[in-house]
Amino acid sequence: MALYLASSLRELSRLKAAVHREMADLAVRPRAAFDILLAVHEAVANAILHGNEEDPAKKVVVEFVVEGGWFEVTVRDEGAGFDHERALQRAQSPPSLDDWAGRGLLLMSRLSDELRFEDGGRTCVIRKHLGSGGADDA
């Protein structure tokens, strides 16, 4: 499934509804579904705000694929890209009250089983094994 979003934070409600539908259709365990939704929400918000800089002429494309027990989400923006390794290193340093830059990337990496960036940081791939999600899934 592919979702084409305008570069507006208002589109996050459309994203949430689409992810919820996918999770319900697949009967994904609650904890895994929460992890996926939060990680994807953060990736799309980053694409809108930082990648496309809320430029109405640019789109964010979100693709969902389920294969071999894995839920994979690819988020693509039309921005200039970024140095994701540097941003993750910065996010892992002790937090400052003034500087929260990169914390969303850290959150995404903790909520997913695999996180990678491609195309100079313009593409983010989030993978979550549908059997994972923590002990509180009951």
C-alpha atoms as a PDB file:
ATOM      1  CA  MET A   1       0.000   0.000   0.000  1.00  0.00           C
ATOM      2  CA  ALA A   2       1.247   3.509  -0.770  1.00  0.00           C
ATOM      3  CA  LEU A   3       0.094   6.773   0.756  1.00  0.00           C
ATOM      4  CA  TYR A   4       0.897  10.154  -0.813  1.00  0.00           C
ATOM      5  CA  LEU A   5       0.871  12.996   1.693  1.00  0.00           C
ATOM      6  CA  ALA A   6       1.085  16.748   1.298  1.00  0.00           C
ATOM      7  CA  SER A   7       3.851  18.454   3.282  1.00  0.00           C
ATOM      8  CA  SER A   8       1.516  19.513   6.056  1.00  0.00           C
ATOM      9  CA  LEU A   9       1.307  18.245   9.634  1.00  0.00           C
ATOM     10  CA  ARG A  10      -2.463  17.990   9.134  1.00  0.00           C
ATOM     11  CA  GLU A  11      -1.697  14.899   7.044  1.00  0.00           C
ATOM     12  CA  LEU A  12      -0.591  13.032  10.174  1.00  0.00           C
ATOM     13  CA  SER A  13      -4.218  12.193  10.965  1.00  0.00           C
ATOM     14  CA  ARG A  14      -4.540  10.516   7.541  1.00  0.00           C
ATOM     15  CA  LEU A  15      -1.334   8.625   8.215  1.00  0.00           C
ATOM     16  CA  LYS A  16      -2.563   7.455  11.618  1.00  0.00           C
ATOM     17  CA  ALA A  17      -5.825   6.175  10.142  1.00  0.00           C
ATOM     18  CA  ALA A  18      -3.984   4.273   7.387  1.00  0.00           C
ATOM     19  CA  VAL A  19      -1.555   2.665   9.837  1.00  0.00           C
ATOM     20  CA  HIS A  20      -4.427   1.702  12.155  1.00  0.00           C
ATOM     21  CA  ARG A  21      -6.243   0.041   9.243  1.00  0.00           C
ATOM     22  CA  GLU A  22      -3.129  -1.913   8.265  1.00  0.00           C
ATOM     23  CA  MET A  23      -2.543  -3.025  11.859  1.00  0.00           C
ATOM     24  CA  ALA A  24      -6.183  -4.105  12.284  1.00  0.00           C
ATOM     25  CA  ASP A  25      -6.204  -6.010   8.983  1.00  0.00           C
ATOM     26  CA  LEU A  26      -3.087  -7.900  10.046  1.00  0.00           C
ATOM     27  CA  ALA A  27      -4.217  -8.422  13.663  1.00  0.00           C
ATOM     28  CA  VAL A  28      -0.889  -7.009  14.873  1.00  0.00           C
ATOM     29  CA  ARG A  29      -0.288  -7.305  18.604  1.00  0.00           C
ATOM     30  CA  PRO A  30      -1.023  -4.054  20.483  1.00  0.00           C
ATOM     31  CA  ARG A  31       2.554  -3.300  21.595  1.00  0.00           C
ATOM     32  CA  ALA A  32       4.031  -3.913  18.131  1.00  0.00           C
ATOM     33  CA  ALA A  33       1.256  -1.803  16.566  1.00  0.00           C
ATOM     34  CA  PHE A  34       1.993   1.046  18.993  1.00  0.00           C
ATOM     35  CA  ASP A  35       5.730   0.877  18.235  1.00  0.00           C
ATOM     36  CA  ILE A  36       5.105   0.939  14.480  1.00  0.00           C
ATOM     37  CA  LEU A  37       2.607   3.794  14.663  1.00  0.00           C
ATOM     38  CA  LEU A  38       4.859   5.975  16.817  1.00  0.00           C
ATOM     39  CA  ALA A  39       8.003   5.321  14.755  1.00  0.00           C
ATOM     40  CA  VAL A  40       6.198   5.984  11.457  1.00  0.00           C
ATOM     41  CA  HIS A  41       4.506   9.101  12.843  1.00  0.00           C
ATOM     42  CA  GLU A  42       7.912  10.471  13.838  1.00  0.00           C
ATOM     43  CA  ALA A  43       9.461   9.594  10.453  1.00  0.00           C
ATOM     44  CA  VAL A  44       6.653  11.310   8.533  1.00  0.00           C
ATOM     45  CA  ALA A  45       6.679  14.373  10.793  1.00  0.00           C
ATOM     46  CA  ASN A  46      10.443  14.641  10.203  1.00  0.00           C
ATOM     47  CA  ALA A  47       9.939  14.284   6.446  1.00  0.00           C
ATOM     48  CA  ILE A  48       7.311  17.036   6.435  1.00  0.00           C
ATOM     49  CA  LEU A  49       9.097  19.467   8.764  1.00  0.00           C
ATOM     50  CA  HIS A  50      12.786  18.877   8.127  1.00  0.00           C
ATOM     51  CA  GLY A  51      12.909  17.141   4.751  1.00  0.00           C
ATOM     52  CA  ASN A  52      10.310  19.030   2.754  1.00  0.00           C
ATOM     53  CA  GLU A  53      10.263  22.043   5.096  1.00  0.00           C
ATOM     54  CA  GLU A  54       6.450  22.089   4.779  1.00  0.00           C
ATOM     55  CA  ASP A  55       6.781  23.082   1.121  1.00  0.00           C
ATOM     56  CA  PRO A  56       3.298  22.549  -0.386  1.00  0.00           C
ATOM     57  CA  ALA A  57       4.854  21.667  -3.743  1.00  0.00           C
ATOM     58  CA  LYS A  58       6.599  18.624  -2.210  1.00  0.00           C
ATOM     59  CA  LYS A  59       5.097  15.292  -1.208  1.00  0.00           C
ATOM     60  CA  VAL A  60       5.903  12.569   1.306  1.00  0.00           C
ATOM     61  CA  VAL A  61       5.386   9.001   0.111  1.00  0.00           C
ATOM     62  CA  VAL A  62       4.758   6.256   2.652  1.00  0.00           C
ATOM     63  CA  GLU A  63       4.774   2.615   1.566  1.00  0.00           C
ATOM     64  CA  PHE A  64       3.737  -0.356   3.711  1.00  0.00           C
ATOM     65  CA  VAL A  65       4.892  -3.905   2.939  1.00  0.00           C
ATOM     66  CA  VAL A  66       4.346  -7.065   4.970  1.00  0.00           C
ATOM     67  CA  GLU A  67       6.580  -9.985   4.122  1.00  0.00           C
ATOM     68  CA  GLY A  68       7.950 -12.965   6.008  1.00  0.00           C
ATOM     69  CA  GLY A  69       6.618 -11.797   9.358  1.00  0.00           C
ATOM     70  CA  TRP A  70       8.051  -8.282   8.961  1.00  0.00           C
ATOM     71  CA  PHE A  71       6.142  -5.026   8.665  1.00  0.00           C
ATOM     72  CA  GLU A  72       8.224  -2.596   6.613  1.00  0.00           C
ATOM     73  CA  VAL A  73       7.459   1.072   6.149  1.00  0.00           C
ATOM     74  CA  THR A  74       9.376   3.274   3.725  1.00  0.00           C
ATOM     75  CA  VAL A  75       9.063   7.057   4.061  1.00  0.00           C
ATOM     76  CA  ARG A  76      10.398   9.243   1.226  1.00  0.00           C
ATOM     77  CA  ASP A  77      10.594  13.005   1.107  1.00  0.00           C
ATOM     78  CA  GLU A  78      11.766  15.437  -1.578  1.00  0.00           C
ATOM     79  CA  GLY A  79      14.155  17.397   0.626  1.00  0.00           C
ATOM     80  CA  ALA A  80      17.908  17.852   0.537  1.00  0.00           C
ATOM     81  CA  GLY A  81      18.609  14.878   2.822  1.00  0.00           C
ATOM     82  CA  PHE A  82      20.708  14.852   5.979  1.00  0.00           C
ATOM     83  CA  ASP A  83      23.606  13.106   7.700  1.00  0.00           C
ATOM     84  CA  HIS A  84      21.642  10.556   9.724  1.00  0.00           C
ATOM     85  CA  GLU A  85      24.719   9.058  11.393  1.00  0.00           C
ATOM     86  CA  ARG A  86      25.753  12.441  12.775  1.00  0.00           C
ATOM     87  CA  ALA A  87      22.184  13.175  13.868  1.00  0.00           C
ATOM     88  CA  LEU A  88      21.913   9.827  15.708  1.00  0.00           C
ATOM     89  CA  GLN A  89      25.263  10.392  17.442  1.00  0.00           C
ATOM     90  CA  ARG A  90      24.110  13.822  18.529  1.00  0.00           C
ATOM     91  CA  ALA A  91      20.815  12.385  19.804  1.00  0.00           C
ATOM     92  CA  GLN A  92      22.662   9.844  21.937  1.00  0.00           C
ATOM     93  CA  SER A  93      24.672  12.509  23.738  1.00  0.00           C
ATOM     94  CA  PRO A  94      23.377  13.723  27.109  1.00  0.00           C
ATOM     95  CA  PRO A  95      20.274  15.846  26.552  1.00  0.00           C
ATOM     96  CA  SER A  96      20.289  19.570  27.007  1.00  0.00           C
ATOM     97  CA  LEU A  97      17.149  21.422  27.974  1.00  0.00           C
ATOM     98  CA  ASP A  98      17.716  23.652  24.940  1.00  0.00           C
ATOM     99  CA  ASP A  99      18.567  21.034  22.328  1.00  0.00           C
ATOM    100  CA  TRP A 100      16.257  18.155  21.495  1.00  0.00           C
ATOM    101  CA  ALA A 101      17.513  17.775  17.922  1.00  0.00           C
ATOM    102  CA  GLY A 102      17.682  14.175  16.785  1.00  0.00           C
ATOM    103  CA  ARG A 103      15.712  12.722  19.694  1.00  0.00           C
ATOM    104  CA  GLY A 104      12.985  11.538  17.314  1.00  0.00           C
ATOM    105  CA  LEU A 105      15.587   9.494  15.419  1.00  0.00           C
ATOM    106  CA  LEU A 106      16.665   7.883  18.670  1.00  0.00           C
ATOM    107  CA  LEU A 107      13.032   7.089  19.470  1.00  0.00           C
ATOM    108  CA  MET A 108      12.526   5.596  15.999  1.00  0.00           C
ATOM    109  CA  SER A 109      15.598   3.386  16.394  1.00  0.00           C
ATOM    110  CA  ARG A 110      14.405   2.100  19.781  1.00  0.00           C
ATOM    111  CA  LEU A 111      10.866   1.354  18.587  1.00  0.00           C
ATOM    112  CA  SER A 112      11.893  -0.494  15.431  1.00  0.00           C
ATOM    113  CA  ASP A 113      13.815  -3.722  14.970  1.00  0.00           C
ATOM    114  CA  GLU A 114      15.653  -2.207  12.012  1.00  0.00           C
ATOM    115  CA  LEU A 115      16.053   1.415  10.958  1.00  0.00           C
ATOM    116  CA  ARG A 116      18.027   2.562   7.963  1.00  0.00           C
ATOM    117  CA  PHE A 117      18.357   5.649   5.820  1.00  0.00           C
ATOM    118  CA  GLU A 118      18.954   5.717   2.072  1.00  0.00           C
ATOM    119  CA  ASP A 119      19.275   8.247  -0.710  1.00  0.00           C
ATOM    120  CA  GLY A 120      21.289  10.706   1.379  1.00  0.00           C
ATOM    121  CA  GLY A 121      18.726  10.652   4.194  1.00  0.00           C
ATOM    122  CA  ARG A 122      15.700  11.338   1.997  1.00  0.00           C
ATOM    123  CA  THR A 123      14.398   7.791   2.503  1.00  0.00           C
ATOM    124  CA  CYS A 124      13.792   6.144   5.868  1.00  0.00           C
ATOM    125  CA  VAL A 125      13.030   2.420   6.173  1.00  0.00           C
ATOM    126  CA  ILE A 126      11.508   1.146   9.404  1.00  0.00           C
ATOM    127  CA  ARG A 127      11.162  -2.595   9.979  1.00  0.00           C
ATOM    128  CA  LYS A 128       9.369  -4.305  12.831  1.00  0.00           C
ATOM    129  CA  HIS A 129       9.019  -8.048  13.258  1.00  0.00           C
ATOM    130  CA  LEU A 130       5.354  -8.742  13.858  1.00  0.00           C
ATOM    131  CA  GLY A 131       6.242 -11.260  16.539  1.00  0.00           C
ATOM    132  CA  SER A 132       8.122  -8.611  18.546  1.00  0.00           C
ATOM    133  CA  GLY A 133       6.635  -5.958  20.722  1.00  0.00           C
ATOM    134  CA  GLY A 134       7.352  -6.768  24.318  1.00  0.00           C
ATOM    135  CA  ALA A 135       5.982  -8.930  27.072  1.00  0.00           C
ATOM    136  CA  ASP A 136       2.970  -6.742  27.786  1.00  0.00           C
ATOM    137  CA  ASP A 137       1.159  -7.690  24.577  1.00  0.00           C
ATOM    138  CA  ALA A 138      -1.380  -9.922  26.240  1.00  0.00           C
END
